[in-house]
N, C-alpha and C. Protein backbone atom coordinates (compact mmCIF):
# COMPACT_ATOMS: atom_id res chain seq x y z
N MET A 1 64.91 -179.76 -203.95
CA MET A 1 65.01 -180.33 -204.65
C MET A 1 66.92 -180.48 -204.26
N THR A 2 67.57 -180.90 -204.32
CA THR A 2 68.90 -181.06 -204.25
C THR A 2 69.41 -181.18 -205.99
N ALA A 3 70.52 -179.76 -205.69
CA ALA A 3 71.34 -179.78 -206.95
C ALA A 3 71.78 -181.00 -207.76
N PRO A 4 71.52 -180.86 -208.91
CA PRO A 4 72.09 -182.31 -209.43
C PRO A 4 73.74 -181.88 -209.49
N ALA A 5 74.25 -182.92 -209.50
CA ALA A 5 75.56 -183.12 -210.37
C ALA A 5 75.82 -183.60 -211.58
N ARG A 6 76.88 -182.29 -212.22
CA ARG A 6 76.24 -182.68 -213.80
C ARG A 6 77.83 -183.26 -214.32
N HIS A 7 78.40 -183.84 -215.02
CA HIS A 7 79.49 -184.37 -215.30
C HIS A 7 79.09 -185.10 -217.03
N ARG A 8 80.00 -184.40 -217.76
CA ARG A 8 80.19 -184.85 -219.23
C ARG A 8 80.41 -186.02 -219.68
N ALA A 9 80.35 -186.57 -220.57
CA ALA A 9 80.18 -187.97 -221.02
C ALA A 9 80.93 -187.91 -222.24
N GLU A 10 82.06 -188.98 -222.15
CA GLU A 10 83.02 -189.24 -223.36
C GLU A 10 82.37 -190.67 -224.15
N ALA A 11 81.49 -190.98 -223.26
CA ALA A 11 81.10 -192.57 -223.82
C ALA A 11 80.04 -193.16 -222.56
N LEU A 12 79.29 -193.93 -223.19
CA LEU A 12 78.22 -194.45 -222.56
C LEU A 12 77.88 -195.57 -223.12
N ARG A 13 76.93 -196.45 -222.01
CA ARG A 13 76.77 -197.72 -222.63
C ARG A 13 75.48 -197.34 -221.63
N LEU A 14 74.56 -197.98 -222.23
CA LEU A 14 73.05 -198.52 -221.77
C LEU A 14 72.75 -199.76 -221.96
N THR A 15 72.55 -200.78 -220.87
CA THR A 15 72.58 -202.14 -220.69
C THR A 15 71.16 -202.01 -220.28
N PRO A 16 70.18 -202.99 -221.39
CA PRO A 16 69.12 -203.55 -220.76
C PRO A 16 69.10 -204.39 -219.72
N LEU A 17 68.19 -204.23 -218.97
CA LEU A 17 67.62 -204.72 -218.27
C LEU A 17 66.65 -205.19 -217.33
N ASN A 18 66.31 -207.00 -217.41
CA ASN A 18 64.85 -207.52 -216.88
C ASN A 18 64.02 -206.45 -215.79
N GLY A 19 62.88 -207.24 -215.29
CA GLY A 19 62.58 -206.26 -214.40
C GLY A 19 62.67 -206.52 -213.50
N ASP A 20 63.99 -207.82 -212.79
CA ASP A 20 64.50 -208.12 -211.69
C ASP A 20 65.62 -207.53 -211.66
N GLY A 21 66.17 -206.22 -212.42
CA GLY A 21 67.49 -206.11 -212.31
C GLY A 21 68.60 -206.44 -213.19
N ARG A 22 68.70 -207.25 -213.66
CA ARG A 22 69.58 -207.86 -214.20
C ARG A 22 69.98 -207.78 -215.48
N PRO A 23 71.14 -208.29 -216.36
CA PRO A 23 71.32 -207.55 -217.56
C PRO A 23 70.93 -208.90 -218.43
N VAL A 24 70.09 -208.38 -219.75
CA VAL A 24 69.27 -208.88 -220.66
C VAL A 24 70.66 -209.18 -221.35
N ARG A 25 71.46 -208.09 -221.87
CA ARG A 25 72.51 -208.43 -223.13
C ARG A 25 73.58 -207.15 -222.74
N HIS A 26 74.43 -207.13 -223.09
CA HIS A 26 75.59 -205.93 -222.96
C HIS A 26 75.07 -205.02 -223.71
N GLY A 27 75.44 -203.85 -223.23
CA GLY A 27 74.39 -202.53 -224.34
C GLY A 27 76.21 -202.06 -225.03
N ASP A 28 75.68 -201.84 -226.07
CA ASP A 28 76.80 -201.44 -226.60
C ASP A 28 77.40 -199.95 -226.36
N VAL A 29 78.84 -199.86 -226.62
CA VAL A 29 79.27 -198.09 -225.91
C VAL A 29 79.18 -197.41 -227.30
N LEU A 30 77.93 -196.10 -226.89
CA LEU A 30 77.91 -194.96 -227.70
C LEU A 30 79.40 -193.75 -227.23
N THR A 31 79.21 -193.43 -228.35
CA THR A 31 80.23 -192.31 -228.22
C THR A 31 80.12 -191.15 -228.63
N PRO A 32 78.94 -190.26 -228.26
CA PRO A 32 78.22 -189.16 -229.03
C PRO A 32 79.18 -188.26 -229.40
N THR A 33 78.52 -187.78 -230.51
CA THR A 33 79.27 -186.94 -231.75
C THR A 33 78.44 -185.85 -230.81
N THR A 34 78.20 -185.46 -230.33
CA THR A 34 77.36 -183.73 -229.56
C THR A 34 77.93 -184.34 -228.25
N PRO A 35 78.08 -183.26 -227.60
CA PRO A 35 78.30 -184.17 -226.46
C PRO A 35 77.32 -184.14 -225.52
N VAL A 36 77.18 -184.94 -224.23
CA VAL A 36 76.35 -185.54 -223.62
C VAL A 36 76.23 -185.11 -221.89
N THR A 37 75.74 -184.39 -221.24
CA THR A 37 75.99 -184.62 -219.94
C THR A 37 74.72 -184.91 -219.16
N VAL A 38 75.39 -185.98 -218.12
CA VAL A 38 74.88 -186.62 -217.03
C VAL A 38 74.77 -186.15 -215.45
N HIS A 39 73.74 -185.42 -215.60
CA HIS A 39 72.92 -185.21 -214.22
C HIS A 39 72.83 -186.11 -213.41
N ILE A 40 73.13 -185.80 -212.08
CA ILE A 40 72.63 -186.81 -210.90
C ILE A 40 72.31 -186.03 -209.53
N THR A 41 70.77 -186.41 -209.27
CA THR A 41 70.20 -185.64 -208.26
C THR A 41 69.56 -186.77 -207.28
N THR A 42 70.00 -186.86 -205.76
CA THR A 42 69.79 -187.62 -205.17
C THR A 42 68.24 -187.48 -204.52
N ALA A 43 67.76 -186.49 -204.22
CA ALA A 43 66.71 -186.02 -203.59
C ALA A 43 65.76 -185.74 -204.66
N PRO A 44 64.99 -186.17 -205.46
CA PRO A 44 64.16 -187.62 -205.69
C PRO A 44 65.95 -187.53 -206.45
N PRO A 45 65.86 -189.28 -206.20
CA PRO A 45 67.28 -190.25 -207.08
C PRO A 45 67.01 -190.24 -208.82
N THR A 46 67.53 -189.48 -208.75
CA THR A 46 66.67 -189.59 -210.71
C THR A 46 68.48 -189.06 -211.29
N LEU A 47 68.33 -189.68 -212.63
CA LEU A 47 69.70 -189.45 -213.39
C LEU A 47 68.98 -188.85 -214.89
N ARG A 48 69.47 -187.69 -215.52
CA ARG A 48 68.88 -187.13 -216.87
C ARG A 48 70.18 -187.24 -217.84
N LEU A 49 69.97 -187.40 -218.95
CA LEU A 49 71.06 -187.14 -219.62
C LEU A 49 70.40 -185.96 -220.65
N THR A 50 71.18 -185.08 -220.94
CA THR A 50 71.06 -183.53 -221.30
C THR A 50 72.06 -183.23 -222.76
N VAL A 51 71.75 -182.85 -224.31
CA VAL A 51 72.98 -182.76 -224.89
C VAL A 51 72.24 -180.82 -224.94
N ASP A 52 73.13 -180.40 -225.61
CA ASP A 52 73.14 -178.88 -226.00
C ASP A 52 72.42 -178.74 -227.83
N PRO A 53 70.91 -178.11 -227.35
CA PRO A 53 70.30 -178.14 -228.70
C PRO A 53 71.09 -176.89 -229.60
N ALA A 54 72.33 -176.42 -229.02
CA ALA A 54 73.10 -175.65 -230.31
C ALA A 54 73.83 -176.22 -230.81
N ALA A 55 74.40 -177.49 -230.92
CA ALA A 55 75.15 -178.23 -231.39
C ALA A 55 74.47 -178.21 -233.18
N PRO A 56 75.05 -178.59 -233.73
CA PRO A 56 75.16 -179.03 -234.98
C PRO A 56 73.52 -179.79 -235.39
N ASP A 57 73.06 -179.54 -236.67
CA ASP A 57 71.64 -180.52 -236.38
C ASP A 57 71.66 -181.55 -236.79
N THR A 58 72.75 -182.25 -237.39
CA THR A 58 72.80 -183.65 -238.05
C THR A 58 73.60 -184.20 -236.58
N ASP A 59 75.03 -183.82 -235.81
CA ASP A 59 75.19 -184.61 -234.79
C ASP A 59 74.27 -184.82 -233.68
N LEU A 60 73.40 -183.61 -233.43
CA LEU A 60 72.36 -183.79 -232.46
C LEU A 60 71.45 -185.03 -232.88
N GLU A 61 70.25 -184.90 -234.13
CA GLU A 61 70.24 -185.62 -234.44
C GLU A 61 70.65 -187.09 -234.19
N ARG A 62 71.93 -187.87 -234.61
CA ARG A 62 72.25 -188.96 -234.61
C ARG A 62 72.37 -189.39 -232.76
N THR A 63 73.15 -188.21 -232.07
CA THR A 63 72.94 -188.45 -230.69
C THR A 63 71.99 -189.39 -230.14
N ILE A 64 70.73 -187.65 -230.16
CA ILE A 64 69.50 -188.05 -229.83
C ILE A 64 68.84 -189.67 -230.27
N VAL A 65 68.96 -190.11 -231.80
CA VAL A 65 68.61 -191.17 -232.16
C VAL A 65 68.93 -192.32 -231.60
N GLU A 66 71.07 -192.10 -231.46
CA GLU A 66 71.47 -193.26 -230.38
C GLU A 66 71.25 -193.60 -229.00
N LEU A 67 70.78 -192.27 -228.30
CA LEU A 67 70.19 -192.90 -226.90
C LEU A 67 69.30 -193.46 -226.66
N HIS A 68 68.32 -193.08 -227.77
CA HIS A 68 66.95 -193.39 -227.98
C HIS A 68 66.67 -194.72 -227.98
N GLN A 69 67.19 -195.24 -229.33
CA GLN A 69 67.35 -196.76 -229.64
C GLN A 69 67.58 -197.92 -228.92
N ALA A 70 69.00 -197.36 -227.63
CA ALA A 70 69.62 -197.75 -227.07
C ALA A 70 68.69 -197.88 -225.63
N ALA A 71 68.35 -196.80 -225.05
CA ALA A 71 66.54 -196.58 -224.03
C ALA A 71 66.07 -197.39 -224.09
N ALA A 72 65.74 -197.84 -225.50
CA ALA A 72 64.09 -198.42 -225.96
C ALA A 72 64.35 -199.82 -225.66
N ALA A 73 65.46 -200.39 -225.80
CA ALA A 73 65.92 -201.95 -225.69
C ALA A 73 64.75 -202.48 -224.91
N ALA A 74 64.78 -201.80 -223.38
CA ALA A 74 64.07 -202.39 -222.33
C ALA A 74 63.43 -201.99 -221.54
N PRO A 75 62.60 -202.00 -220.35
CA PRO A 75 61.85 -201.03 -219.69
C PRO A 75 63.15 -200.67 -218.64
N ASP A 76 64.37 -200.98 -218.08
CA ASP A 76 65.13 -200.85 -217.34
C ASP A 76 66.52 -200.87 -217.94
N LEU A 77 67.38 -199.83 -217.46
CA LEU A 77 68.20 -199.96 -218.03
C LEU A 77 69.56 -199.67 -216.86
N GLY A 78 71.57 -200.71 -216.72
CA GLY A 78 72.50 -200.00 -216.19
C GLY A 78 73.04 -198.85 -217.20
N ILE A 79 72.98 -198.15 -216.54
CA ILE A 79 73.80 -196.93 -217.30
C ILE A 79 75.48 -196.69 -217.01
N GLU A 80 76.12 -196.70 -217.82
CA GLU A 80 77.58 -196.66 -217.24
C GLU A 80 77.99 -195.10 -218.27
N ALA A 81 79.04 -194.03 -217.88
CA ALA A 81 79.63 -193.17 -218.30
C ALA A 81 81.35 -193.01 -217.91
N GLN A 82 82.03 -192.98 -219.18
CA GLN A 82 83.38 -192.70 -219.07
C GLN A 82 83.18 -190.89 -218.87
N LEU A 83 83.71 -190.81 -217.85
CA LEU A 83 83.92 -189.46 -217.92
C LEU A 83 85.44 -188.26 -218.11
N PRO A 84 86.05 -187.25 -218.77
CA PRO A 84 87.22 -187.01 -218.72
C PRO A 84 87.68 -186.74 -217.11
N SER A 85 89.12 -186.47 -216.87
CA SER A 85 89.32 -186.86 -215.51
C SER A 85 90.23 -185.02 -215.44
N THR A 86 91.03 -184.78 -214.67
CA THR A 86 91.85 -183.63 -214.81
C THR A 86 92.96 -184.50 -214.41
N ALA A 87 92.96 -185.46 -214.08
CA ALA A 87 94.87 -186.35 -213.19
C ALA A 87 94.99 -186.46 -214.86
N PRO A 88 96.15 -186.72 -215.05
CA PRO A 88 96.81 -187.46 -216.04
C PRO A 88 96.38 -188.57 -215.94
N ASP A 89 96.08 -189.00 -217.14
CA ASP A 89 95.77 -190.83 -217.61
C ASP A 89 94.89 -191.40 -216.80
N ARG A 90 93.97 -190.68 -215.96
CA ARG A 90 92.70 -191.34 -215.46
C ARG A 90 91.76 -190.82 -215.76
N TRP A 91 90.32 -191.48 -215.66
CA TRP A 91 89.24 -191.61 -216.35
C TRP A 91 87.98 -191.83 -215.29
N GLY A 92 87.13 -191.07 -215.40
CA GLY A 92 85.97 -190.80 -214.48
C GLY A 92 85.18 -192.28 -215.20
N TYR A 93 84.59 -192.77 -213.62
CA TYR A 93 83.77 -193.64 -214.10
C TYR A 93 82.86 -193.75 -213.15
N LEU A 94 81.09 -193.39 -213.80
CA LEU A 94 80.34 -193.38 -213.30
C LEU A 94 79.11 -194.07 -213.39
N VAL A 95 78.20 -195.17 -212.41
CA VAL A 95 77.60 -196.49 -212.88
C VAL A 95 76.17 -195.97 -211.83
N ALA A 96 75.27 -196.00 -212.93
CA ALA A 96 73.83 -195.68 -212.19
C ALA A 96 73.26 -197.22 -212.70
N PRO A 97 73.75 -198.36 -211.53
CA PRO A 97 73.36 -200.13 -211.68
C PRO A 97 71.64 -200.64 -211.79
N TRP A 98 70.96 -199.33 -211.83
CA TRP A 98 69.50 -199.56 -211.98
C TRP A 98 68.27 -198.71 -212.67
N ALA A 99 68.68 -198.41 -213.31
CA ALA A 99 67.51 -196.77 -213.78
C ALA A 99 66.15 -197.65 -214.32
N THR A 100 65.21 -197.07 -213.59
CA THR A 100 63.80 -197.32 -214.14
C THR A 100 62.78 -196.10 -214.39
N ASP A 101 61.77 -196.39 -214.74
CA ASP A 101 60.92 -195.41 -215.11
C ASP A 101 61.17 -194.30 -216.00
N ILE A 102 61.88 -194.83 -217.10
CA ILE A 102 62.64 -194.03 -218.25
C ILE A 102 61.60 -193.14 -218.89
N SER A 103 61.70 -191.56 -219.15
CA SER A 103 61.34 -191.41 -219.91
C SER A 103 62.19 -190.98 -220.90
N LEU A 104 61.40 -190.96 -222.43
CA LEU A 104 62.58 -190.50 -223.67
C LEU A 104 61.70 -188.87 -223.97
N ASP A 105 61.04 -188.17 -223.46
CA ASP A 105 60.41 -187.23 -223.88
C ASP A 105 61.82 -185.77 -223.97
N LEU A 106 61.93 -185.43 -225.20
CA LEU A 106 62.44 -184.41 -225.45
C LEU A 106 62.30 -183.05 -224.70
N THR A 107 62.55 -182.50 -223.75
CA THR A 107 62.17 -181.52 -223.38
C THR A 107 63.47 -180.61 -222.50
N PRO A 108 63.39 -178.84 -223.10
CA PRO A 108 64.36 -178.52 -222.45
C PRO A 108 64.37 -177.94 -221.18
N ASP A 109 65.72 -177.89 -220.33
CA ASP A 109 65.75 -177.76 -219.03
C ASP A 109 66.22 -175.93 -218.53
N ASP A 110 66.33 -176.00 -217.38
CA ASP A 110 66.52 -174.71 -216.90
C ASP A 110 67.84 -174.38 -217.10
N THR A 111 68.82 -174.94 -217.74
CA THR A 111 70.33 -174.75 -217.52
C THR A 111 70.08 -173.85 -219.62
N GLY A 112 69.04 -174.54 -220.19
CA GLY A 112 69.41 -174.18 -221.50
C GLY A 112 69.74 -175.63 -222.15
N GLN A 113 69.60 -176.63 -221.46
CA GLN A 113 70.32 -178.20 -222.34
C GLN A 113 68.79 -178.86 -222.93
N LEU A 114 69.10 -179.16 -223.44
CA LEU A 114 67.77 -180.66 -224.19
C LEU A 114 68.11 -181.38 -223.16
N THR A 115 66.99 -182.53 -222.41
CA THR A 115 66.45 -183.49 -222.07
C THR A 115 66.37 -184.16 -222.72
N VAL A 116 66.95 -185.67 -222.92
CA VAL A 116 67.00 -186.86 -223.85
C VAL A 116 65.97 -187.92 -223.36
N LEU A 117 66.54 -188.19 -221.89
CA LEU A 117 66.28 -189.61 -220.84
C LEU A 117 66.31 -189.13 -219.84
N THR A 118 65.53 -189.23 -218.77
CA THR A 118 65.18 -189.20 -217.68
C THR A 118 64.78 -190.45 -217.15
N ALA A 119 65.61 -191.07 -215.59
CA ALA A 119 65.03 -192.16 -215.36
C ALA A 119 65.18 -191.88 -213.64
N ARG A 120 64.74 -192.60 -213.14
CA ARG A 120 64.50 -192.95 -211.51
C ARG A 120 65.99 -193.83 -211.07
N THR A 121 66.94 -193.54 -210.18
CA THR A 121 67.73 -194.61 -210.10
C THR A 121 67.28 -195.45 -208.69
N ARG A 122 67.44 -196.83 -208.81
CA ARG A 122 67.57 -197.63 -207.61
C ARG A 122 68.56 -197.52 -206.83
N ALA A 123 68.54 -198.47 -205.80
CA ALA A 123 69.52 -198.60 -204.60
C ALA A 123 69.36 -200.21 -204.02
N ASP A 124 68.81 -201.21 -205.16
CA ASP A 124 68.22 -202.11 -204.66
C ASP A 124 68.97 -202.65 -205.62
N SER A 125 70.18 -202.56 -206.65
CA SER A 125 70.80 -203.00 -207.82
C SER A 125 70.89 -204.52 -206.73
N PRO A 126 70.63 -206.14 -207.98
CA PRO A 126 71.14 -207.14 -207.55
C PRO A 126 72.42 -207.70 -207.89
N LEU A 127 72.98 -206.73 -208.59
CA LEU A 127 74.43 -206.91 -209.45
C LEU A 127 75.63 -206.88 -207.82
N ARG A 128 76.24 -207.14 -207.89
CA ARG A 128 77.15 -207.43 -206.61
C ARG A 128 78.07 -206.43 -207.16
N ARG A 129 78.65 -205.83 -207.99
CA ARG A 129 79.56 -204.80 -208.01
C ARG A 129 78.53 -203.00 -207.72
N ALA A 130 77.22 -203.26 -207.24
CA ALA A 130 76.43 -202.34 -207.75
C ALA A 130 76.27 -201.34 -206.62
N HIS A 131 77.37 -202.28 -205.53
CA HIS A 131 77.14 -201.47 -203.76
C HIS A 131 78.94 -201.64 -203.87
N THR A 132 78.44 -200.62 -202.49
CA THR A 132 79.67 -199.90 -202.37
C THR A 132 80.00 -200.26 -200.22
N ASP A 133 80.77 -201.43 -200.51
CA ASP A 133 81.10 -201.39 -198.59
C ASP A 133 79.93 -202.09 -198.45
N GLY A 134 79.04 -203.04 -198.97
CA GLY A 134 77.79 -203.34 -198.30
C GLY A 134 76.71 -202.59 -198.58
N ASP A 135 76.80 -201.25 -198.53
CA ASP A 135 75.57 -200.54 -198.47
C ASP A 135 75.19 -200.10 -200.35
N PRO A 136 73.79 -200.26 -200.22
CA PRO A 136 73.48 -200.24 -201.64
C PRO A 136 73.52 -198.64 -202.30
N VAL A 137 73.74 -198.28 -203.54
CA VAL A 137 74.33 -197.01 -203.81
C VAL A 137 72.91 -196.78 -205.17
N HIS A 138 72.57 -195.44 -205.02
CA HIS A 138 71.79 -195.17 -206.79
C HIS A 138 72.76 -195.28 -207.71
N THR A 139 74.33 -194.43 -207.50
CA THR A 139 74.92 -194.15 -208.47
C THR A 139 76.57 -194.44 -207.61
N ARG A 140 77.52 -194.78 -208.67
CA ARG A 140 78.96 -194.43 -207.70
C ARG A 140 79.99 -193.93 -208.90
N PHE A 141 80.93 -193.51 -208.27
CA PHE A 141 81.92 -192.80 -209.12
C PHE A 141 83.11 -193.66 -208.60
N SER A 142 84.27 -193.46 -210.23
CA SER A 142 85.32 -194.21 -209.71
C SER A 142 86.21 -193.60 -210.66
N LEU A 143 87.78 -193.46 -210.12
CA LEU A 143 88.86 -193.31 -211.03
C LEU A 143 89.27 -194.26 -211.59
N THR A 144 89.96 -194.28 -212.77
CA THR A 144 90.51 -195.81 -213.33
C THR A 144 91.52 -195.49 -214.01
N ASP A 145 92.58 -196.23 -214.50
CA ASP A 145 93.54 -196.46 -215.08
C ASP A 145 93.51 -196.46 -216.43
N THR A 146 92.68 -196.86 -216.73
CA THR A 146 92.55 -197.28 -218.85
C THR A 146 91.02 -197.08 -218.60
N PRO A 147 90.41 -196.57 -219.88
CA PRO A 147 89.36 -196.21 -220.29
C PRO A 147 87.99 -197.18 -220.27
N PRO A 148 87.70 -196.91 -219.26
CA PRO A 148 86.46 -197.99 -219.17
C PRO A 148 85.38 -197.95 -220.17
N LEU A 149 85.23 -197.78 -220.74
CA LEU A 149 84.38 -198.21 -222.06
C LEU A 149 84.83 -197.99 -223.11
N THR A 150 85.58 -198.99 -223.75
CA THR A 150 85.68 -198.72 -225.56
C THR A 150 84.75 -199.90 -226.35
N PRO A 151 84.44 -198.89 -227.13
CA PRO A 151 83.70 -199.22 -228.95
C PRO A 151 84.77 -200.52 -228.78
């Protein structure tokens, strides 16, 4: 298994998709009160969202409930994450245009984090912006001058 890339998310949007990978409606922007980490693995192509179980109980519970409610809206999701950047006035933007086989089981991982959501990412999203230079991608990352996700 390839080691996952890990990114701390400042904001997230989980957009419900239909069975063809097209949005049912635009998802709400979530700003978790407990830090959420996005883990990306390419072999196999998966995405996991984790939280620190040592966070204050009310914040941890609120974050888990928000993520689970957003993920329960449809069997497939488009997942976007706004990430902090070390460059001044720049934000990272991570997109998994089509996530499927979603699991909401709460399980601890090998780093001590609590996995809140696990999904298989697909490279065959029908959305135009899901592809880079004509090549299908499971996830893509970019830097932006403005925050990509605003509540």
